[in-house]
Amino acid sequence: MDTLAGLLDAPRARGAFALRAVMRSPWSLRILAESPLTVIAGITGILWIVPDKGEPTRIGPGDIAITTGPDHYTVADAAATPPTVIVHPGQHCCDLQGNSLIEKMTHGVRTWGNDPQGETVFLVGAYEQFSDISERLLRALPAVLSLTHSEWQSPLVSLLCDEVIKDEPGQAAVLDRLLDLLLTAVLKSWFARQDSKRPQWWRFQGDRIVEKALRIMHDQPAHPWTLDSLAAQAGASRSSLARRFQDLIGEPPMTFLKHWRMALAADLLCQPNETVSTVAEKVGYATPFAFSAAFKRVRGLSPQEHRTGALRQHH
């Protein structure tokens, strides 16, 4: 597996929040939802994303942005417009006095805003429970990243715009998969850009030894790797691999492997056809007991507690 593909393979929306927003100026939305990750795509008109920390980002037609939680931010027609709507966790929207605006601002299937004929239209897709496998990727992203229409080309926004307002059987699953594809396309384009905003660990793409070691661990997480065997497979000495890996990734190879196994296990435990025993085997533990002990040591709860919590969130 290509290493970038491994990092971007994680997004798997499950009942993600998706809507088409239609707004007439003046308008300003205070976003307190703390969604782990939100995609905002401009269709018509201009909007601004104003993070609590950082510079405002202008989004025009064809531009796209990704925000990461739990940071709060404002989305408005202009950077200085004061908020009149508060969006709370669970995507509950209220006025400044706390009165619900859901009924007042809903205009048909997944269409929302202060005026159904408003001049500004944008799409919102929010991951409410981001898969644990993506924690490393999520940590690497800034509070707000954006691409202009000239920096990326994709038919996915237009397709999502058409699909989001349909009310058909299975439509939620369609929207989930489209959102996954859109997010992956945006992140792939963003990572490819040669600028200072790219996370430091992306520099491993220029180091063949570290790149090969990462690919090996992604492809064969269950193998009983040692630093010696990993270095041999990567074509480097033990000390060279350890030094280069630490410099570029920020942690030792075996620490990365441990966390990768636990992240992979956390995702597998959410699948109904997996058991603690099958997951233990897939991530390289000889017994379910050894796996459970390691999982609890790293994650702070048992595999069963993790599975129960994830299922409760999903339902």
C-alpha atoms as a PDB file:
ATOM      1  CA  MET A   1       0.000   0.000   0.000  1.00  0.00           C
ATOM      2  CA  ASP A   2       1.255   3.475  -0.837  1.00  0.00           C
ATOM      3  CA  THR A   3       1.945   5.243   2.465  1.00  0.00           C
ATOM      4  CA  LEU A   4      -0.158   8.292   1.632  1.00  0.00           C
ATOM      5  CA  ALA A   5      -2.977   5.975   0.604  1.00  0.00           C
ATOM      6  CA  GLY A   6      -2.626   4.262   3.975  1.00  0.00           C
ATOM      7  CA  LEU A   7      -2.980   7.551   5.801  1.00  0.00           C
ATOM      8  CA  LEU A   8      -5.941   8.670   3.717  1.00  0.00           C
ATOM      9  CA  ASP A   9      -7.686   5.297   3.696  1.00  0.00           C
ATOM     10  CA  ALA A  10      -9.131   5.901   7.155  1.00  0.00           C
ATOM     11  CA  PRO A  11     -12.058   8.300   6.561  1.00  0.00           C
ATOM     12  CA  ARG A  12     -15.217   6.206   6.686  1.00  0.00           C
ATOM     13  CA  ALA A  13     -18.162   8.407   7.536  1.00  0.00           C
ATOM     14  CA  ARG A  14     -20.993   6.730   9.423  1.00  0.00           C
ATOM     15  CA  GLY A  15     -24.101   8.883   9.316  1.00  0.00           C
ATOM     16  CA  ALA A  16     -22.143  12.090   8.742  1.00  0.00           C
ATOM     17  CA  PHE A  17     -23.908  15.431   8.945  1.00  0.00           C
ATOM     18  CA  ALA A  18     -24.393  16.856   5.445  1.00  0.00           C
ATOM     19  CA  LEU A  19     -26.417  19.804   4.189  1.00  0.00           C
ATOM     20  CA  ARG A  20     -26.682  22.552   1.614  1.00  0.00           C
ATOM     21  CA  ALA A  21     -26.605  25.988   3.272  1.00  0.00           C
ATOM     22  CA  VAL A  22     -28.334  28.955   1.590  1.00  0.00           C
ATOM     23  CA  MET A  23     -27.742  32.376   3.134  1.00  0.00           C
ATOM     24  CA  ARG A  24     -28.633  36.006   2.442  1.00  0.00           C
ATOM     25  CA  SER A  25     -26.428  38.815   3.813  1.00  0.00           C
ATOM     26  CA  PRO A  26     -25.908  39.831   6.461  1.00  0.00           C
ATOM     27  CA  TRP A  27     -25.312  36.503   8.204  1.00  0.00           C
ATOM     28  CA  SER A  28     -22.849  34.967  10.650  1.00  0.00           C
ATOM     29  CA  LEU A  29     -22.754  31.515  12.232  1.00  0.00           C
ATOM     30  CA  ARG A  30     -20.803  30.839  15.428  1.00  0.00           C
ATOM     31  CA  ILE A  31     -19.640  27.193  15.221  1.00  0.00           C
ATOM     32  CA  LEU A  32     -19.279  25.531  18.625  1.00  0.00           C
ATOM     33  CA  ALA A  33     -20.099  22.039  17.319  1.00  0.00           C
ATOM     34  CA  GLU A  34     -16.534  20.747  17.879  1.00  0.00           C
ATOM     35  CA  SER A  35     -16.913  18.187  15.083  1.00  0.00           C
ATOM     36  CA  PRO A  36     -13.590  16.398  14.599  1.00  0.00           C
ATOM     37  CA  LEU A  37     -13.507  17.402  10.940  1.00  0.00           C
ATOM     38  CA  THR A  38     -15.767  19.478   8.694  1.00  0.00           C
ATOM     39  CA  VAL A  39     -15.643  20.063   4.936  1.00  0.00           C
ATOM     40  CA  ILE A  40     -17.011  23.400   3.649  1.00  0.00           C
ATOM     41  CA  ALA A  41     -17.319  23.838  -0.127  1.00  0.00           C
ATOM     42  CA  GLY A  42     -18.263  27.107  -1.799  1.00  0.00           C
ATOM     43  CA  ILE A  43     -20.932  26.927  -4.534  1.00  0.00           C
ATOM     44  CA  THR A  44     -22.064  30.534  -5.109  1.00  0.00           C
ATOM     45  CA  GLY A  45     -21.259  33.821  -3.388  1.00  0.00           C
ATOM     46  CA  ILE A  46     -18.512  34.522  -0.856  1.00  0.00           C
ATOM     47  CA  LEU A  47     -18.104  33.348   2.729  1.00  0.00           C
ATOM     48  CA  TRP A  48     -15.401  33.734   5.330  1.00  0.00           C
ATOM     49  CA  ILE A  49     -14.142  31.202   7.865  1.00  0.00           C
ATOM     50  CA  VAL A  50     -12.796  33.025  10.915  1.00  0.00           C
ATOM     51  CA  PRO A  51     -10.971  30.772  13.406  1.00  0.00           C
ATOM     52  CA  ASP A  52     -10.618  31.917  17.009  1.00  0.00           C
ATOM     53  CA  LYS A  53      -6.864  31.639  16.482  1.00  0.00           C
ATOM     54  CA  GLY A  54      -5.485  32.485  13.076  1.00  0.00           C
ATOM     55  CA  GLU A  55      -6.295  34.498   9.984  1.00  0.00           C
ATOM     56  CA  PRO A  56      -9.704  34.558   8.225  1.00  0.00           C
ATOM     57  CA  THR A  57     -10.037  32.365   5.119  1.00  0.00           C
ATOM     58  CA  ARG A  58     -12.037  33.529   2.094  1.00  0.00           C
ATOM     59  CA  ILE A  59     -14.092  30.855   0.309  1.00  0.00           C
ATOM     60  CA  GLY A  60     -15.544  31.613  -3.110  1.00  0.00           C
ATOM     61  CA  PRO A  61     -17.221  29.424  -5.751  1.00  0.00           C
ATOM     62  CA  GLY A  62     -15.175  26.268  -6.277  1.00  0.00           C
ATOM     63  CA  ASP A  63     -12.996  26.867  -3.217  1.00  0.00           C
ATOM     64  CA  ILE A  64     -13.001  24.360  -0.385  1.00  0.00           C
ATOM     65  CA  ALA A  65     -11.916  24.300   3.251  1.00  0.00           C
ATOM     66  CA  ILE A  66     -11.475  21.755   6.022  1.00  0.00           C
ATOM     67  CA  THR A  67     -11.793  22.679   9.690  1.00  0.00           C
ATOM     68  CA  THR A  68     -10.713  20.472  12.562  1.00  0.00           C
ATOM     69  CA  GLY A  69     -12.167  20.242  16.044  1.00  0.00           C
ATOM     70  CA  PRO A  70     -12.429  20.926  18.825  1.00  0.00           C
ATOM     71  CA  ASP A  71     -11.510  24.502  17.848  1.00  0.00           C
ATOM     72  CA  HIS A  72     -14.338  27.029  17.580  1.00  0.00           C
ATOM     73  CA  TYR A  73     -14.749  29.352  14.618  1.00  0.00           C
ATOM     74  CA  THR A  74     -17.193  31.607  12.785  1.00  0.00           C
ATOM     75  CA  VAL A  75     -18.560  31.301   9.244  1.00  0.00           C
ATOM     76  CA  ALA A  76     -19.985  34.551   7.876  1.00  0.00           C
ATOM     77  CA  ASP A  77     -20.570  36.767   4.852  1.00  0.00           C
ATOM     78  CA  ALA A  78     -17.772  39.038   6.080  1.00  0.00           C
ATOM     79  CA  ALA A  79     -15.041  38.565   8.656  1.00  0.00           C
ATOM     80  CA  ALA A  80     -16.439  41.312  10.902  1.00  0.00           C
ATOM     81  CA  THR A  81     -20.145  40.365  10.832  1.00  0.00           C
ATOM     82  CA  PRO A  82     -21.263  39.546  14.410  1.00  0.00           C
ATOM     83  CA  PRO A  83     -22.845  36.091  14.918  1.00  0.00           C
ATOM     84  CA  THR A  84     -26.624  35.747  15.063  1.00  0.00           C
ATOM     85  CA  VAL A  85     -26.781  31.941  15.010  1.00  0.00           C
ATOM     86  CA  ILE A  86     -24.946  29.519  17.308  1.00  0.00           C
ATOM     87  CA  VAL A  87     -24.313  25.940  16.152  1.00  0.00           C
ATOM     88  CA  HIS A  88     -23.842  23.690  19.166  1.00  0.00           C
ATOM     89  CA  PRO A  89     -22.557  20.079  19.437  1.00  0.00           C
ATOM     90  CA  GLY A  90     -24.860  17.710  17.621  1.00  0.00           C
ATOM     91  CA  GLN A  91     -25.406  20.471  15.022  1.00  0.00           C
ATOM     92  CA  HIS A  92     -28.184  22.048  17.095  1.00  0.00           C
ATOM     93  CA  CYS A  93     -28.646  25.640  15.939  1.00  0.00           C
ATOM     94  CA  CYS A  94     -30.048  28.374  18.154  1.00  0.00           C
ATOM     95  CA  ASP A  95     -30.318  32.153  18.227  1.00  0.00           C
ATOM     96  CA  LEU A  96     -28.334  34.204  20.715  1.00  0.00           C
ATOM     97  CA  GLN A  97     -31.066  33.688  23.331  1.00  0.00           C
ATOM     98  CA  GLY A  98     -30.906  29.905  23.009  1.00  0.00           C
ATOM     99  CA  ASN A  99     -34.128  29.439  21.000  1.00  0.00           C
ATOM    100  CA  SER A 100     -34.018  26.617  18.460  1.00  0.00           C
ATOM    101  CA  LEU A 101     -33.833  27.676  14.814  1.00  0.00           C
ATOM    102  CA  ILE A 102     -34.048  24.226  13.275  1.00  0.00           C
ATOM    103  CA  GLU A 103     -37.623  24.556  12.056  1.00  0.00           C
ATOM    104  CA  LYS A 104     -37.312  28.186  11.004  1.00  0.00           C
ATOM    105  CA  MET A 105     -34.120  27.652   8.987  1.00  0.00           C
ATOM    106  CA  THR A 106     -34.925  24.295   7.380  1.00  0.00           C
ATOM    107  CA  HIS A 107     -36.053  24.535   3.755  1.00  0.00           C
ATOM    108  CA  GLY A 108     -36.559  21.014   2.434  1.00  0.00           C
ATOM    109  CA  VAL A 109     -34.294  17.975   2.311  1.00  0.00           C
ATOM    110  CA  ARG A 110     -30.896  18.780   3.877  1.00  0.00           C
ATOM    111  CA  THR A 111     -31.283  22.429   2.919  1.00  0.00           C
ATOM    112  CA  TRP A 112     -30.805  25.036   5.603  1.00  0.00           C
ATOM    113  CA  GLY A 113     -30.317  28.781   5.871  1.00  0.00           C
ATOM    114  CA  ASN A 114     -31.816  32.196   6.586  1.00  0.00           C
ATOM    115  CA  ASP A 115     -33.308  32.541   3.078  1.00  0.00           C
ATOM    116  CA  PRO A 116     -33.969  29.747   0.532  1.00  0.00           C
ATOM    117  CA  GLN A 117     -33.297  32.312  -2.223  1.00  0.00           C
ATOM    118  CA  GLY A 118     -30.056  33.586  -0.660  1.00  0.00           C
ATOM    119  CA  GLU A 119     -27.134  34.537  -2.863  1.00  0.00           C
ATOM    120  CA  THR A 120     -24.553  32.474  -0.962  1.00  0.00           C
ATOM    121  CA  VAL A 121     -24.705  28.680  -1.211  1.00  0.00           C
ATOM    122  CA  PHE A 122     -22.203  26.271   0.298  1.00  0.00           C
ATOM    123  CA  LEU A 123     -22.029  22.603   1.254  1.00  0.00           C
ATOM    124  CA  VAL A 124     -21.203  21.366   4.741  1.00  0.00           C
ATOM    125  CA  GLY A 125     -20.131  17.824   5.552  1.00  0.00           C
ATOM    126  CA  ALA A 126     -19.188  17.097   9.166  1.00  0.00           C
ATOM    127  CA  TYR A 127     -17.655  13.937  10.587  1.00  0.00           C
ATOM    128  CA  GLU A 128     -19.203  13.620  14.024  1.00  0.00           C
ATOM    129  CA  GLN A 129     -17.254  10.523  15.135  1.00  0.00           C
ATOM    130  CA  PHE A 130     -13.952  10.404  13.305  1.00  0.00           C
ATOM    131  CA  SER A 131     -12.506   6.886  13.108  1.00  0.00           C
ATOM    132  CA  ASP A 132      -9.680   6.332  15.577  1.00  0.00           C
ATOM    133  CA  ILE A 133      -7.442   5.192  12.756  1.00  0.00           C
ATOM    134  CA  SER A 134      -7.235   8.793  11.602  1.00  0.00           C
ATOM    135  CA  GLU A 135      -5.988  10.317  14.853  1.00  0.00           C
ATOM    136  CA  ARG A 136      -2.462  10.758  13.499  1.00  0.00           C
ATOM    137  CA  LEU A 137      -3.747  12.375  10.319  1.00  0.00           C
ATOM    138  CA  LEU A 138      -6.104  14.631  12.263  1.00  0.00           C
ATOM    139  CA  ARG A 139      -3.276  15.818  14.516  1.00  0.00           C
ATOM    140  CA  ALA A 140      -1.245  16.738  11.437  1.00  0.00           C
ATOM    141  CA  LEU A 141      -3.882  19.112  10.051  1.00  0.00           C
ATOM    142  CA  PRO A 142      -4.164  22.806  10.944  1.00  0.00           C
ATOM    143  CA  ALA A 143      -7.341  24.297  12.423  1.00  0.00           C
ATOM    144  CA  VAL A 144      -8.332  25.485   8.937  1.00  0.00           C
ATOM    145  CA  LEU A 145      -6.878  24.449   5.588  1.00  0.00           C
ATOM    146  CA  SER A 146      -8.181  25.566   2.221  1.00  0.00           C
ATOM    147  CA  LEU A 147      -7.712  25.191  -1.515  1.00  0.00           C
ATOM    148  CA  THR A 148      -8.875  27.643  -4.156  1.00  0.00           C
ATOM    149  CA  HIS A 149     -10.690  26.450  -7.275  1.00  0.00           C
ATOM    150  CA  SER A 150      -7.453  26.941  -9.235  1.00  0.00           C
ATOM    151  CA  GLU A 151      -5.496  24.662  -6.890  1.00  0.00           C
ATOM    152  CA  TRP A 152      -7.625  21.580  -7.294  1.00  0.00           C
ATOM    153  CA  GLN A 153     -10.113  20.128  -9.771  1.00  0.00           C
ATOM    154  CA  SER A 154     -12.785  17.577  -8.907  1.00  0.00           C
ATOM    155  CA  PRO A 155     -16.365  16.780  -9.978  1.00  0.00           C
ATOM    156  CA  LEU A 156     -17.163  15.560  -6.477  1.00  0.00           C
ATOM    157  CA  VAL A 157     -18.512  18.864  -5.128  1.00  0.00           C
ATOM    158  CA  SER A 158     -21.024  19.118  -7.963  1.00  0.00           C
ATOM    159  CA  LEU A 159     -22.039  15.498  -7.455  1.00  0.00           C
ATOM    160  CA  LEU A 160     -22.416  15.956  -3.690  1.00  0.00           C
ATOM    161  CA  CYS A 161     -24.433  19.131  -4.301  1.00  0.00           C
ATOM    162  CA  ASP A 162     -26.879  17.142  -6.432  1.00  0.00           C
ATOM    163  CA  GLU A 163     -27.092  14.183  -4.052  1.00  0.00           C
ATOM    164  CA  VAL A 164     -27.390  16.054  -0.736  1.00  0.00           C
ATOM    165  CA  ILE A 165     -30.931  17.279  -1.476  1.00  0.00           C
ATOM    166  CA  LYS A 166     -32.284  13.872  -2.537  1.00  0.00           C
ATOM    167  CA  ASP A 167     -34.597  11.942  -0.235  1.00  0.00           C
ATOM    168  CA  GLU A 168     -34.177   8.348  -1.371  1.00  0.00           C
ATOM    169  CA  PRO A 169     -33.635   4.987   0.360  1.00  0.00           C
ATOM    170  CA  GLY A 170     -30.002   4.513   1.272  1.00  0.00           C
ATOM    171  CA  GLN A 171     -29.166   8.143   0.555  1.00  0.00           C
ATOM    172  CA  ALA A 172     -27.296   8.632   3.836  1.00  0.00           C
ATOM    173  CA  ALA A 173     -24.825   5.906   2.841  1.00  0.00           C
ATOM    174  CA  VAL A 174     -24.358   7.521  -0.570  1.00  0.00           C
ATOM    175  CA  LEU A 175     -23.572  10.853   1.070  1.00  0.00           C
ATOM    176  CA  ASP A 176     -21.144   9.210   3.502  1.00  0.00           C
ATOM    177  CA  ARG A 177     -19.140   7.661   0.684  1.00  0.00           C
ATOM    178  CA  LEU A 178     -19.151  10.840  -1.416  1.00  0.00           C
ATOM    179  CA  LEU A 179     -17.939  12.814   1.589  1.00  0.00           C
ATOM    180  CA  ASP A 180     -15.132  10.303   2.123  1.00  0.00           C
ATOM    181  CA  LEU A 181     -14.084  10.627  -1.521  1.00  0.00           C
ATOM    182  CA  LEU A 182     -14.254  14.415  -1.402  1.00  0.00           C
ATOM    183  CA  LEU A 183     -12.211  14.618   1.795  1.00  0.00           C
ATOM    184  CA  THR A 184      -9.575  12.252   0.400  1.00  0.00           C
ATOM    185  CA  ALA A 185      -9.315  14.243  -2.835  1.00  0.00           C
ATOM    186  CA  VAL A 186      -8.896  17.520  -0.960  1.00  0.00           C
ATOM    187  CA  LEU A 187      -6.283  16.166   1.429  1.00  0.00           C
ATOM    188  CA  LYS A 188      -4.359  14.513  -1.399  1.00  0.00           C
ATOM    189  CA  SER A 189      -4.197  17.850  -3.238  1.00  0.00           C
ATOM    190  CA  TRP A 190      -3.301  19.716  -0.057  1.00  0.00           C
ATOM    191  CA  PHE A 191      -0.486  17.348   0.853  1.00  0.00           C
ATOM    192  CA  ALA A 192       0.916  17.622  -2.660  1.00  0.00           C
ATOM    193  CA  ARG A 193       1.337  21.379  -2.374  1.00  0.00           C
ATOM    194  CA  GLN A 194       4.870  22.577  -1.808  1.00  0.00           C
ATOM    195  CA  ASP A 195       4.319  25.053   1.000  1.00  0.00           C
ATOM    196  CA  SER A 196       5.118  25.600   4.655  1.00  0.00           C
ATOM    197  CA  LYS A 197       1.708  24.447   5.856  1.00  0.00           C
ATOM    198  CA  ARG A 198       2.458  20.813   5.158  1.00  0.00           C
ATOM    199  CA  PRO A 199       3.069  18.810   8.345  1.00  0.00           C
ATOM    200  CA  GLN A 200       6.692  18.064   9.116  1.00  0.00           C
ATOM    201  CA  TRP A 201       6.211  14.311   8.990  1.00  0.00           C
ATOM    202  CA  TRP A 202       5.225  14.588   5.304  1.00  0.00           C
ATOM    203  CA  ARG A 203       8.929  15.115   4.594  1.00  0.00           C
ATOM    204  CA  PHE A 204       9.413  11.356   4.891  1.00  0.00           C
ATOM    205  CA  GLN A 205       8.325  11.166   1.241  1.00  0.00           C
ATOM    206  CA  GLY A 206      11.826  12.392   0.416  1.00  0.00           C
ATOM    207  CA  ASP A 207      13.540   9.712   2.553  1.00  0.00           C
ATOM    208  CA  ARG A 208      13.460   6.278   0.931  1.00  0.00           C
ATOM    209  CA  ILE A 209      14.510   4.445   4.078  1.00  0.00           C
ATOM    210  CA  VAL A 210      11.792   5.947   6.287  1.00  0.00           C
ATOM    211  CA  GLU A 211       9.250   5.663   3.462  1.00  0.00           C
ATOM    212  CA  LYS A 212       9.997   1.959   3.065  1.00  0.00           C
ATOM    213  CA  ALA A 213       9.839   1.299   6.810  1.00  0.00           C
ATOM    214  CA  LEU A 214       6.468   3.030   7.039  1.00  0.00           C
ATOM    215  CA  ARG A 215       5.129   1.080   4.069  1.00  0.00           C
ATOM    216  CA  ILE A 216       6.268  -2.203   5.625  1.00  0.00           C
ATOM    217  CA  MET A 217       4.511  -1.410   8.917  1.00  0.00           C
ATOM    218  CA  HIS A 218       1.323  -0.307   7.160  1.00  0.00           C
ATOM    219  CA  ASP A 219       1.249  -3.427   4.970  1.00  0.00           C
ATOM    220  CA  GLN A 220       2.238  -5.978   7.628  1.00  0.00           C
ATOM    221  CA  PRO A 221       1.177  -4.731  11.067  1.00  0.00           C
ATOM    222  CA  ALA A 222       0.796  -8.282  12.401  1.00  0.00           C
ATOM    223  CA  HIS A 223       4.395  -9.318  11.631  1.00  0.00           C
ATOM    224  CA  PRO A 224       6.599  -9.673  14.760  1.00  0.00           C
ATOM    225  CA  TRP A 225       8.848  -6.790  13.801  1.00  0.00           C
ATOM    226  CA  THR A 226      11.930  -5.832  15.750  1.00  0.00           C
ATOM    227  CA  LEU A 227      14.036  -2.764  15.075  1.00  0.00           C
ATOM    228  CA  ASP A 228      16.710  -5.046  13.590  1.00  0.00           C
ATOM    229  CA  SER A 229      14.354  -6.870  11.218  1.00  0.00           C
ATOM    230  CA  LEU A 230      12.625  -3.646  10.210  1.00  0.00           C
ATOM    231  CA  ALA A 231      15.968  -1.993   9.470  1.00  0.00           C
ATOM    232  CA  ALA A 232      17.090  -4.988   7.424  1.00  0.00           C
ATOM    233  CA  GLN A 233      13.913  -4.899   5.331  1.00  0.00           C
ATOM    234  CA  ALA A 234      14.248  -1.138   4.855  1.00  0.00           C
ATOM    235  CA  GLY A 235      17.869  -1.469   3.752  1.00  0.00           C
ATOM    236  CA  ALA A 236      19.472   0.457   6.592  1.00  0.00           C
ATOM    237  CA  SER A 237      21.394  -0.107   9.768  1.00  0.00           C
ATOM    238  CA  ARG A 238      19.535  -0.234  13.057  1.00  0.00           C
ATOM    239  CA  SER A 239      21.011   3.091  14.218  1.00  0.00           C
ATOM    240  CA  SER A 240      20.434   4.858  10.883  1.00  0.00           C
ATOM    241  CA  LEU A 241      16.772   3.859  10.724  1.00  0.00           C
ATOM    242  CA  ALA A 242      16.186   4.846  14.348  1.00  0.00           C
ATOM    243  CA  ARG A 243      17.806   8.256  13.880  1.00  0.00           C
ATOM    244  CA  ARG A 244      16.139   9.107  10.544  1.00  0.00           C
ATOM    245  CA  PHE A 245      12.747   7.879  11.723  1.00  0.00           C
ATOM    246  CA  GLN A 246      12.936   9.917  14.923  1.00  0.00           C
ATOM    247  CA  ASP A 247      14.008  13.039  13.016  1.00  0.00           C
ATOM    248  CA  LEU A 248      11.264  12.857  10.395  1.00  0.00           C
ATOM    249  CA  ILE A 249       8.328  11.198  12.171  1.00  0.00           C
ATOM    250  CA  GLY A 250       8.980  12.468  15.683  1.00  0.00           C
ATOM    251  CA  GLU A 251       8.989   9.114  17.468  1.00  0.00           C
ATOM    252  CA  PRO A 252      10.948   5.820  17.364  1.00  0.00           C
ATOM    253  CA  PRO A 253       9.924   3.174  14.779  1.00  0.00           C
ATOM    254  CA  MET A 254       8.673   0.666  17.358  1.00  0.00           C
ATOM    255  CA  THR A 255       6.618   3.345  19.150  1.00  0.00           C
ATOM    256  CA  PHE A 256       5.026   4.287  15.842  1.00  0.00           C
ATOM    257  CA  LEU A 257       4.289   0.597  15.155  1.00  0.00           C
ATOM    258  CA  LYS A 258       2.664   0.163  18.570  1.00  0.00           C
ATOM    259  CA  HIS A 259       0.408   3.173  18.075  1.00  0.00           C
ATOM    260  CA  TRP A 260      -0.386   2.149  14.501  1.00  0.00           C
ATOM    261  CA  ARG A 261      -1.437  -1.319  15.685  1.00  0.00           C
ATOM    262  CA  MET A 262      -3.634   0.148  18.418  1.00  0.00           C
ATOM    263  CA  ALA A 263      -5.242   2.648  16.018  1.00  0.00           C
ATOM    264  CA  LEU A 264      -5.907  -0.135  13.526  1.00  0.00           C
ATOM    265  CA  ALA A 265      -7.305  -2.297  16.325  1.00  0.00           C
ATOM    266  CA  ALA A 266      -9.575   0.507  17.518  1.00  0.00           C
ATOM    267  CA  ASP A 267     -11.069   0.755  14.038  1.00  0.00           C
ATOM    268  CA  LEU A 268     -11.423  -3.026  13.626  1.00  0.00           C
ATOM    269  CA  LEU A 269     -13.174  -3.343  16.985  1.00  0.00           C
ATOM    270  CA  CYS A 270     -15.997  -1.182  15.597  1.00  0.00           C
ATOM    271  CA  GLN A 271     -16.716  -3.775  12.887  1.00  0.00           C
ATOM    272  CA  PRO A 272     -19.541  -6.190  13.862  1.00  0.00           C
ATOM    273  CA  ASN A 273     -17.826  -9.227  12.325  1.00  0.00           C
ATOM    274  CA  GLU A 274     -14.642  -8.829  14.386  1.00  0.00           C
ATOM    275  CA  THR A 275     -13.911 -10.204  17.844  1.00  0.00           C
ATOM    276  CA  VAL A 276     -11.174  -9.369  20.309  1.00  0.00           C
ATOM    277  CA  SER A 277      -9.427 -12.584  19.250  1.00  0.00           C
ATOM    278  CA  THR A 278      -9.546 -11.854  15.505  1.00  0.00           C
ATOM    279  CA  VAL A 279      -8.418  -8.282  16.037  1.00  0.00           C
ATOM    280  CA  ALA A 280      -5.546  -9.427  18.273  1.00  0.00           C
ATOM    281  CA  GLU A 281      -4.334 -11.732  15.522  1.00  0.00           C
ATOM    282  CA  LYS A 282      -4.608  -9.056  12.826  1.00  0.00           C
ATOM    283  CA  VAL A 283      -2.468  -6.579  14.759  1.00  0.00           C
ATOM    284  CA  GLY A 284       0.242  -9.022  15.800  1.00  0.00           C
ATOM    285  CA  TYR A 285      -0.592 -10.296  19.298  1.00  0.00           C
ATOM    286  CA  ALA A 286      -0.263 -13.968  20.154  1.00  0.00           C
ATOM    287  CA  THR A 287      -3.181 -13.996  22.609  1.00  0.00           C
ATOM    288  CA  PRO A 288      -6.296 -11.900  23.229  1.00  0.00           C
ATOM    289  CA  PHE A 289      -5.048 -11.353  26.784  1.00  0.00           C
ATOM    290  CA  ALA A 290      -1.745  -9.831  25.624  1.00  0.00           C
ATOM    291  CA  PHE A 291      -3.585  -7.660  23.124  1.00  0.00           C
ATOM    292  CA  SER A 292      -6.160  -6.496  25.697  1.00  0.00           C
ATOM    293  CA  ALA A 293      -3.423  -5.545  28.160  1.00  0.00           C
ATOM    294  CA  ALA A 294      -1.524  -3.583  25.487  1.00  0.00           C
ATOM    295  CA  PHE A 295      -4.677  -1.894  24.225  1.00  0.00           C
ATOM    296  CA  LYS A 296      -5.674  -0.758  27.707  1.00  0.00           C
ATOM    297  CA  ARG A 297      -2.145   0.470  28.413  1.00  0.00           C
ATOM    298  CA  VAL A 298      -2.122   2.619  25.257  1.00  0.00           C
ATOM    299  CA  ARG A 299      -5.780   3.643  24.978  1.00  0.00           C
ATOM    300  CA  GLY A 300      -6.790   3.775  28.626  1.00  0.00           C
ATOM    301  CA  LEU A 301      -9.712   1.353  28.296  1.00  0.00           C
ATOM    302  CA  SER A 302     -10.248  -2.285  27.382  1.00  0.00           C
ATOM    303  CA  PRO A 303     -11.066  -3.408  23.828  1.00  0.00           C
ATOM    304  CA  GLN A 304     -14.593  -4.309  24.922  1.00  0.00           C
ATOM    305  CA  GLU A 305     -15.107  -0.918  26.580  1.00  0.00           C
ATOM    306  CA  HIS A 306     -13.897   0.769  23.378  1.00  0.00           C
ATOM    307  CA  ARG A 307     -16.270  -1.317  21.234  1.00  0.00           C
ATOM    308  CA  THR A 308     -19.242  -0.594  23.515  1.00  0.00           C
ATOM    309  CA  GLY A 309     -18.517   3.148  23.532  1.00  0.00           C
ATOM    310  CA  ALA A 310     -18.140   3.270  19.754  1.00  0.00           C
ATOM    311  CA  LEU A 311     -21.403   1.421  19.180  1.00  0.00           C
ATOM    312  CA  ARG A 312     -23.208   3.702  21.624  1.00  0.00           C
ATOM    313  CA  GLN A 313     -21.910   6.761  19.733  1.00  0.00           C
ATOM    314  CA  HIS A 314     -22.977   5.283  16.416  1.00  0.00           C
ATOM    315  CA  HIS A 315     -26.507   4.570  17.612  1.00  0.00           C
END
